[in-house]
Protein backbone atom coordinates (compact mmCIF):
# COMPACT_ATOMS: atom_id res chain seq x y z
CA MET A 1 -13.52 10.90 -1.48
CA ALA A 2 -13.58 7.11 -1.45
CA GLY A 3 -12.57 4.06 -3.45
CA ILE A 4 -14.31 0.93 -4.65
CA TYR A 5 -12.65 -2.48 -4.75
CA ILE A 6 -14.19 -5.29 -6.82
CA HIS A 7 -13.08 -8.83 -6.01
CA ILE A 8 -13.26 -11.25 -8.94
CA PRO A 9 -12.78 -14.71 -7.35
CA TYR A 10 -11.54 -16.74 -10.33
CA CYS A 11 -8.14 -17.85 -11.61
CA LYS A 12 -7.02 -20.08 -14.47
CA GLN A 13 -4.89 -22.15 -12.08
CA ALA A 14 -3.70 -22.00 -8.49
CA CYS A 15 -0.30 -20.46 -7.81
CA TYR A 16 1.48 -22.52 -5.17
CA TYR A 17 2.08 -19.57 -2.83
CA CYS A 18 -1.33 -17.87 -3.02
CA ASN A 19 -3.79 -17.73 -0.10
CA PHE A 20 -6.22 -15.21 -1.58
CA HIS A 21 -9.83 -16.26 -2.15
CA PHE A 22 -10.34 -17.66 -5.64
CA SER A 23 -11.65 -20.67 -7.55
CA THR A 24 -10.34 -22.31 -10.72
CA ASN A 25 -13.92 -23.36 -11.54
CA THR A 26 -15.52 -20.48 -13.45
CA LYS A 27 -18.92 -22.13 -14.06
CA SER A 28 -20.57 -19.78 -11.56
CA SER A 29 -19.15 -16.63 -13.17
CA PRO A 30 -22.47 -15.53 -14.82
CA GLU A 31 -24.27 -15.79 -11.46
CA MET A 32 -21.31 -14.10 -9.74
CA LEU A 33 -21.49 -11.19 -12.16
CA GLN A 34 -25.17 -10.67 -11.39
CA ALA A 35 -24.49 -10.91 -7.65
CA ILE A 36 -21.74 -8.29 -7.87
CA LEU A 37 -24.01 -5.97 -9.88
CA GLN A 38 -26.75 -6.44 -7.30
CA GLU A 39 -24.41 -5.86 -4.36
CA ILE A 40 -23.29 -2.58 -5.91
CA GLU A 41 -26.91 -1.42 -6.01
CA MET A 42 -27.64 -2.71 -2.50
CA ARG A 43 -24.75 -0.73 -1.04
CA LYS A 44 -25.05 2.50 -3.00
CA HIS A 45 -25.87 4.56 0.11
CA GLU A 46 -23.00 3.30 2.30
CA LEU A 47 -20.54 5.98 1.24
CA ASN A 48 -22.90 8.81 2.25
CA ASN A 49 -22.60 10.62 -1.10
CA GLN A 50 -18.80 10.64 -1.04
CA SER A 51 -17.46 10.78 -4.56
CA ILE A 52 -15.48 7.87 -6.00
CA GLN A 53 -11.81 8.68 -6.63
CA THR A 54 -10.55 5.20 -7.53
CA ILE A 55 -11.85 1.84 -8.75
CA TYR A 56 -9.74 -1.30 -8.41
CA PHE A 57 -10.51 -4.71 -9.90
CA GLY A 58 -8.60 -7.39 -7.98
CA GLY A 59 -8.87 -11.04 -7.21
CA GLY A 60 -8.34 -13.72 -8.22
CA THR A 61 -7.68 -12.62 -11.76
CA PRO A 62 -10.19 -10.04 -13.07
CA GLY A 63 -8.67 -10.28 -16.54
CA ILE A 64 -10.00 -13.83 -16.81
CA LEU A 65 -13.53 -12.46 -17.31
CA PRO A 66 -14.87 -11.34 -20.68
CA SER A 67 -14.26 -7.62 -21.13
CA ASP A 68 -18.03 -7.04 -21.39
CA ASP A 69 -18.42 -8.26 -17.80
CA ILE A 70 -15.94 -5.68 -16.56
CA LYS A 71 -17.78 -3.05 -18.59
CA LYS A 72 -21.11 -3.95 -16.95
CA ILE A 73 -19.55 -3.55 -13.50
CA MET A 74 -18.11 -0.18 -14.50
CA HIS A 75 -21.54 0.98 -15.66
CA ALA A 76 -23.16 -0.24 -12.43
CA ILE A 77 -20.69 1.80 -10.38
CA GLU A 78 -21.36 4.89 -12.49
CA ASP A 79 -25.13 4.39 -12.14
CA ASN A 80 -25.07 4.03 -8.34
CA PHE A 81 -22.26 6.30 -7.13
CA ILE A 82 -20.90 9.78 -7.70
CA VAL A 83 -17.83 9.08 -9.82
CA GLU A 84 -15.28 11.84 -10.33
CA LYS A 85 -13.86 12.57 -13.76
CA ASN A 86 -10.49 11.12 -14.77
CA ILE A 87 -10.34 8.73 -11.83
CA GLU A 88 -7.71 6.02 -11.47
CA THR A 89 -9.26 2.72 -12.58
CA THR A 90 -6.98 -0.30 -12.14
CA LEU A 91 -7.39 -3.83 -13.45
CA GLU A 92 -5.22 -6.72 -12.30
CA VAL A 93 -4.26 -8.96 -15.23
CA ASN A 94 -2.12 -12.00 -15.91
CA PRO A 95 0.03 -11.90 -19.06
CA ASP A 96 -1.61 -14.93 -20.67
CA ASP A 97 -5.10 -13.43 -20.42
CA MET A 98 -4.22 -10.37 -22.48
CA HIS A 99 -4.38 -9.75 -26.23
CA PRO A 100 -4.64 -6.49 -28.23
CA GLN A 101 -8.41 -6.68 -28.78
CA LYS A 102 -9.12 -7.20 -25.08
CA LEU A 103 -6.69 -4.46 -24.09
CA LYS A 104 -8.39 -2.03 -26.50
CA ALA A 105 -11.77 -2.89 -24.97
CA TYR A 106 -10.42 -2.15 -21.48
CA LEU A 107 -9.00 1.18 -22.58
CA ASP A 108 -12.25 2.18 -24.30
CA MET A 109 -14.37 1.44 -21.21
CA GLY A 110 -12.21 3.63 -18.94
CA ILE A 111 -9.59 1.28 -17.47
CA ASN A 112 -6.49 3.47 -17.36
CA ARG A 113 -4.09 1.49 -15.18
CA LEU A 114 -2.98 -2.14 -15.42
CA SER A 115 -1.37 -4.19 -12.67
CA VAL A 116 0.39 -7.09 -14.38
CA GLY A 117 1.08 -10.28 -12.38
CA THR A 118 4.47 -10.99 -13.93
CA GLN A 119 6.27 -12.32 -10.79
CA SER A 120 9.43 -13.24 -12.77
CA PHE A 121 10.89 -13.10 -16.26
CA PHE A 122 12.50 -16.55 -15.88
CA GLU A 123 10.73 -19.70 -17.03
CA GLU A 124 11.93 -21.93 -14.19
CA ASP A 125 10.72 -19.42 -11.61
CA LEU A 126 7.25 -19.29 -13.13
CA GLN A 127 7.09 -23.08 -13.10
CA TYR A 128 8.24 -23.12 -9.46
CA MET A 129 5.29 -20.84 -8.61
CA ASN A 130 2.86 -22.71 -10.90
CA ARG A 131 2.09 -19.56 -12.84
CA SER A 132 -0.11 -19.93 -15.92
CA HIS A 133 2.03 -17.78 -18.25
CA ASP A 134 5.52 -18.24 -19.67
CA ALA A 135 8.50 -15.92 -19.61
CA LYS A 136 7.93 -14.54 -23.12
CA ALA A 137 4.36 -13.57 -22.30
CA ALA A 138 5.52 -11.60 -19.26
CA ALA A 139 7.26 -8.94 -21.31
CA ARG A 140 4.99 -9.19 -24.35
CA CYS A 141 1.91 -8.29 -22.30
CA VAL A 142 3.42 -5.00 -21.15
CA GLN A 143 4.57 -4.07 -24.63
CA GLU A 144 1.18 -4.86 -26.16
CA ALA A 145 -0.56 -2.80 -23.49
CA GLN A 146 1.71 0.15 -24.22
CA ASP A 147 1.10 -0.21 -27.95
CA THR A 148 -2.64 -0.18 -27.25
CA GLY A 149 -2.34 3.13 -25.38
CA PHE A 150 -1.82 2.26 -21.73
CA ASN A 151 0.78 4.55 -20.17
CA ASN A 152 0.27 3.66 -16.51
CA ILE A 153 1.38 0.08 -15.94
CA SER A 154 2.51 -1.65 -12.76
CA VAL A 155 4.37 -4.96 -12.66
CA ASP A 156 4.43 -7.42 -9.74
CA LEU A 157 7.65 -9.27 -8.93
CA ILE A 158 8.44 -11.82 -6.20
CA TYR A 159 11.83 -12.28 -4.54
CA GLY A 160 13.34 -14.37 -1.78
CA PHE A 161 12.72 -17.93 -2.97
CA PRO A 162 15.39 -20.63 -3.47
CA LEU A 163 15.55 -20.56 -7.30
CA LEU A 164 16.05 -16.82 -7.45
CA THR A 165 19.76 -16.06 -7.29
CA ASN A 166 20.84 -12.49 -6.66
CA GLU A 167 21.93 -12.21 -10.28
CA LYS A 168 18.53 -13.34 -11.55
CA TRP A 169 16.83 -10.89 -9.20
CA LYS A 170 18.92 -8.04 -10.60
CA GLN A 171 17.98 -9.12 -14.13
CA ASN A 172 14.29 -9.17 -13.19
CA ILE A 173 14.45 -5.59 -11.88
CA ASN A 174 16.48 -4.36 -14.85
CA THR A 175 14.11 -6.07 -17.30
CA ALA A 176 11.09 -4.47 -15.64
CA LEU A 177 12.66 -1.00 -15.66
CA ALA A 178 13.70 -1.40 -19.30
CA LEU A 179 10.03 -1.93 -20.22
CA GLN A 180 9.39 1.72 -19.29
CA ILE A 181 6.65 0.88 -16.82
CA THR A 182 5.59 3.43 -14.20
CA HIS A 183 5.24 1.30 -11.07
CA LEU A 184 6.64 -1.82 -9.39
CA SER A 185 5.19 -3.92 -6.59
CA CYS A 186 7.78 -6.32 -5.16
CA TYR A 187 6.93 -8.90 -2.52
CA ALA A 188 9.02 -11.35 -0.55
CA MET A 189 7.87 -14.93 -0.99
CA THR A 190 5.98 -15.94 2.14
CA VAL A 191 4.80 -19.38 3.14
CA GLU A 192 1.11 -19.07 3.97
CA ALA A 193 -0.82 -21.75 5.84
CA ARG A 194 -2.88 -24.21 3.79
CA THR A 195 -1.15 -23.38 0.50
CA ALA A 196 0.53 -25.85 -1.82
CA LEU A 197 3.87 -24.18 -1.15
CA GLU A 198 3.50 -24.69 2.60
CA LYS A 199 2.72 -28.37 2.10
CA MET A 200 5.62 -28.94 -0.29
CA ILE A 201 8.07 -27.30 2.11
CA ARG A 202 6.63 -29.17 5.09
CA THR A 203 6.96 -32.51 3.25
CA GLU A 204 10.47 -31.54 2.07
CA LYS A 205 9.56 -31.58 -1.61
CA LEU A 206 10.87 -28.02 -1.79
CA PRO A 207 13.57 -26.32 0.30
CA PRO A 208 12.47 -23.75 2.91
CA ILE A 209 12.53 -20.01 2.33
CA ASN A 210 15.84 -18.36 3.26
CA HIS A 211 14.99 -15.13 5.07
CA ALA A 212 18.55 -13.85 4.86
CA GLN A 213 18.30 -14.17 1.07
CA SER A 214 15.02 -12.21 1.11
CA ALA A 215 16.59 -9.42 3.16
CA GLU A 216 19.63 -9.20 0.89
CA GLN A 217 17.49 -9.01 -2.25
CA PHE A 218 15.21 -6.40 -0.69
CA GLU A 219 18.19 -4.23 0.25
CA TRP A 220 19.57 -4.46 -3.29
CA LEU A 221 16.12 -3.57 -4.65
CA MET A 222 15.96 -0.41 -2.52
CA HIS A 223 19.32 0.81 -3.80
CA ALA A 224 18.51 -0.05 -7.43
CA ILE A 225 15.22 1.83 -7.31
CA GLU A 226 16.88 4.85 -5.73
CA ASP A 227 19.58 4.84 -8.43
CA ALA A 228 16.87 4.75 -11.11
CA GLY A 229 15.30 7.92 -9.68
CA TRP A 230 12.13 6.17 -8.57
CA GLU A 231 10.26 6.72 -5.31
CA HIS A 232 10.13 4.00 -2.66
CA TYR A 233 6.86 5.29 -1.28
CA GLU A 234 5.62 2.15 0.54
CA ILE A 235 7.45 -0.93 1.84
CA SER A 236 6.57 -3.07 -1.20
CA ASN A 237 5.80 -0.37 -3.76
CA PHE A 238 7.96 1.77 -6.02
CA ALA A 239 6.94 4.39 -8.55
CA LYS A 240 8.24 6.88 -11.04
CA PRO A 241 7.62 10.43 -9.78
CA ASN A 242 3.87 11.23 -9.69
CA HIS A 243 2.88 7.63 -10.38
CA ARG A 244 1.97 6.26 -6.96
CA ALA A 245 -0.96 3.84 -6.97
CA VAL A 246 -3.70 6.19 -5.78
CA HIS A 247 -6.11 3.42 -4.73
CA ASN A 248 -3.63 1.53 -2.57
CA THR A 249 -2.14 4.75 -1.20
CA ASN A 250 -5.60 5.67 0.03
CA TYR A 251 -5.76 2.33 1.88
CA TRP A 252 -2.58 3.20 3.76
CA LEU A 253 -3.81 6.74 4.43
CA GLY A 254 -6.95 5.36 6.05
CA LYS A 255 -9.42 6.72 3.50
CA HIS A 256 -12.80 5.10 3.04
CA TYR A 257 -13.28 2.24 0.60
CA LEU A 258 -16.08 -0.14 -0.27
CA GLY A 259 -15.29 -3.77 -1.06
CA ILE A 260 -17.63 -5.63 -3.42
CA GLY A 261 -17.62 -9.39 -4.03
CA PRO A 262 -16.80 -12.49 -1.96
CA SER A 263 -14.07 -11.92 0.67
CA ALA A 264 -13.88 -8.18 -0.10
CA HIS A 265 -13.22 -5.83 2.82
CA SER A 266 -14.60 -2.33 3.45
CA PHE A 267 -13.46 0.45 5.78
CA ASP A 268 -15.09 3.74 6.82
CA GLY A 269 -12.59 5.12 9.29
CA SER A 270 -14.16 3.68 12.43
CA SER A 271 -15.39 0.25 11.33
CA ARG A 272 -14.37 -2.57 9.06
CA SER A 273 -16.58 -5.12 7.33
CA TRP A 274 -15.87 -8.15 5.18
CA ASN A 275 -17.91 -10.36 2.90
CA ILE A 276 -18.23 -14.12 3.24
CA VAL A 277 -15.39 -16.21 1.76
CA ASN A 278 -17.51 -18.63 -0.24
CA ASN A 279 -18.68 -18.10 -3.80
CA ALA A 280 -21.86 -20.20 -3.67
CA LEU A 281 -23.02 -18.77 -0.34
CA PHE A 282 -22.19 -15.23 -1.48
CA ILE A 283 -24.34 -15.63 -4.60
CA LYS A 284 -27.19 -17.26 -2.69
CA SER A 285 -27.21 -14.55 -0.04
CA ILE A 286 -27.25 -11.70 -2.56
CA GLU A 287 -30.05 -13.40 -4.50
CA GLU A 288 -32.02 -13.32 -1.24
CA HIS A 289 -31.21 -9.60 -0.85
CA ILE A 290 -29.05 -10.25 2.22
CA LEU A 291 -25.57 -8.73 2.48
CA PRO A 292 -23.27 -11.63 3.45
CA SER A 293 -20.91 -9.62 5.61
CA GLU A 294 -19.66 -9.17 9.15
CA LYS A 295 -18.73 -5.87 10.77
CA GLU A 296 -16.28 -4.78 13.46
CA ILE A 297 -16.39 -1.40 15.21
CA LEU A 298 -12.83 -0.30 15.92
CA THR A 299 -11.92 1.04 19.35
CA LEU A 300 -9.85 4.21 19.56
CA HIS A 301 -6.77 2.12 20.37
CA GLN A 302 -7.40 -0.08 17.35
CA GLN A 303 -7.71 2.98 15.12
CA ILE A 304 -4.44 4.39 16.47
CA ASN A 305 -2.62 1.08 16.06
CA GLU A 306 -3.90 0.71 12.52
CA TYR A 307 -2.57 4.19 11.79
CA ILE A 308 0.82 3.26 13.27
CA MET A 309 0.98 0.11 11.14
CA THR A 310 -0.02 1.74 7.85
CA SER A 311 1.75 5.09 8.22
CA LEU A 312 5.11 3.48 9.03
CA ARG A 313 4.90 1.55 5.77
CA MET A 314 4.74 4.84 3.88
CA SER A 315 7.68 7.11 3.04
CA ASP A 316 5.48 10.00 4.23
CA GLY A 317 5.78 8.55 7.71
CA MET A 318 3.89 8.64 10.99
CA GLN A 319 2.63 12.01 12.23
CA LEU A 320 2.88 12.12 16.01
CA GLN A 321 0.10 14.72 16.24
CA LYS A 322 -2.30 11.96 15.23
CA ILE A 323 -1.21 9.86 18.21
CA LYS A 324 -0.27 12.03 21.20
CA PRO A 325 -3.65 13.83 21.66
CA ASN A 326 -5.50 10.50 21.60
CA VAL A 327 -3.59 8.58 24.27
CA THR A 328 -3.05 8.94 28.01
CA THR A 329 0.13 10.42 29.45
CA GLU A 330 1.26 6.95 30.51
CA GLU A 331 0.57 5.49 27.06
CA TRP A 332 2.50 8.33 25.44
CA GLN A 333 5.49 7.75 27.70
CA LEU A 334 5.53 4.03 26.87
CA PHE A 335 5.20 4.88 23.17
CA CYS A 336 8.21 7.22 23.37
CA GLU A 337 10.23 4.58 25.21
CA GLU A 338 9.60 2.12 22.37
CA LEU A 339 10.59 4.79 19.84
CA GLU A 340 13.91 5.17 21.62
CA LYS A 341 14.45 1.40 21.75
CA ASN A 342 14.01 1.29 17.96
CA ASN A 343 16.11 4.40 17.39
CA ALA A 344 18.61 2.60 15.12
CA LEU A 345 15.81 1.63 12.73
CA LEU A 346 13.95 4.96 12.61
CA ASN A 347 14.45 8.53 11.52
CA ILE A 348 13.42 10.46 14.65
CA PRO A 349 13.57 14.27 14.96
CA SER A 350 15.50 15.30 18.08
CA ASN A 351 12.61 17.46 19.30
CA TYR A 352 9.86 14.99 18.51
CA GLN A 353 8.26 15.15 21.97
CA THR A 354 7.61 18.89 21.74
CA ASN A 355 7.29 19.34 17.98
CA ALA A 356 3.62 18.99 17.01
CA ARG A 357 4.63 18.43 13.38
CA ALA A 358 7.19 15.71 14.06
CA ILE A 359 7.14 12.80 11.60
CA ILE A 360 8.76 9.40 12.17
CA THR A 361 9.92 7.30 9.23
CA LEU A 362 11.71 4.00 8.81
CA ASN A 363 15.31 4.09 7.60
CA LYS A 364 16.49 1.53 5.05
CA LYS A 365 17.36 -1.04 7.69
CA GLY A 366 14.10 -0.38 9.51
CA LYS A 367 12.13 -1.31 6.41
CA LEU A 368 13.26 -4.88 6.97
CA TYR A 369 11.49 -4.90 10.35
CA ALA A 370 8.43 -2.73 9.68
CA ASP A 371 5.83 -5.06 11.19
CA LYS A 372 7.87 -5.72 14.34
CA ILE A 373 8.53 -2.02 14.91
CA ALA A 374 4.85 -1.20 14.48
CA GLY A 375 3.95 -3.93 16.95
CA ASP A 376 6.42 -2.52 19.48
CA LEU A 377 4.75 0.90 19.18
CA PHE A 378 1.15 -0.25 19.51
CA VAL A 379 -0.76 1.47 22.32
CA GLY A 380 -3.28 0.02 24.75
């Protein structure tokens, strides 16, 4: 089974922190739609008849497009791939793009999961991020979606920036949970190169990010989610029981996925490919029946290290039987030494070296250092 990701590279306005590929100029959207439809057809054999388990519309802001455009893409996927029944189909939306008529159209065409880019329920925070919606719209969007019939809704929130006091962060989490959503994605504010946020901090127009604040708010989040009976199943993702995001979970489990649209990535287990990050060149290339992508064949070490990175992010953990048989004796010894060095941040079975079913997970403190720990454990 595999997934399909569709990248819609348009946004109403640029959030200060965002480094994803998008454009605020939507004039090329009709040509982009045709290019995406054509790319779907051009790549229909790449999954080798694997059935489609999930579809995910990301971006950018897919909800900025007319609902008929999303419907055409859905039909193209159904026409060119084997699509299972009752699959998870997610659409990323911003609160200000939604209204009852549009939501009903999404539901009717088979969208059954919404990922809402709320980020905060406070007006000053949204202005700090240069979000296009206001605080009232953040909650109203979720309620309107539920009234329309959506019962699987995820909300995005951002923490760890100067305006967000601990009390405001607690209110954001409590507000989200009170909306009876099924899923939360919570991300620490990061300062990415070549973003407006990076420039404003560098020129001292905004104060720098306080990493101690981020850590404190993340730790409070973990405890609050646990108290609510939710599952902290991935570093940045939290769900009610049986409501994990299937599409993103499959990413972390290393399942195959096909990325369609400019900047979209694909993965087949042993290789990764990515489309060009330029809307005009992407459209031109597809019109000429040329796939505008590059491909990388992963070495065995790269595959193992990718597994270490992704599995440690999951509550299901890292299975050592997927590592030990694929490395040399010396590499295994070094790997075990690094495990021991990070012992205070990991849950390690006492018999892990001889237990073929041993699983390593991060403890709560370890989740603050997930990337560093993974890097320490890399082989090769």
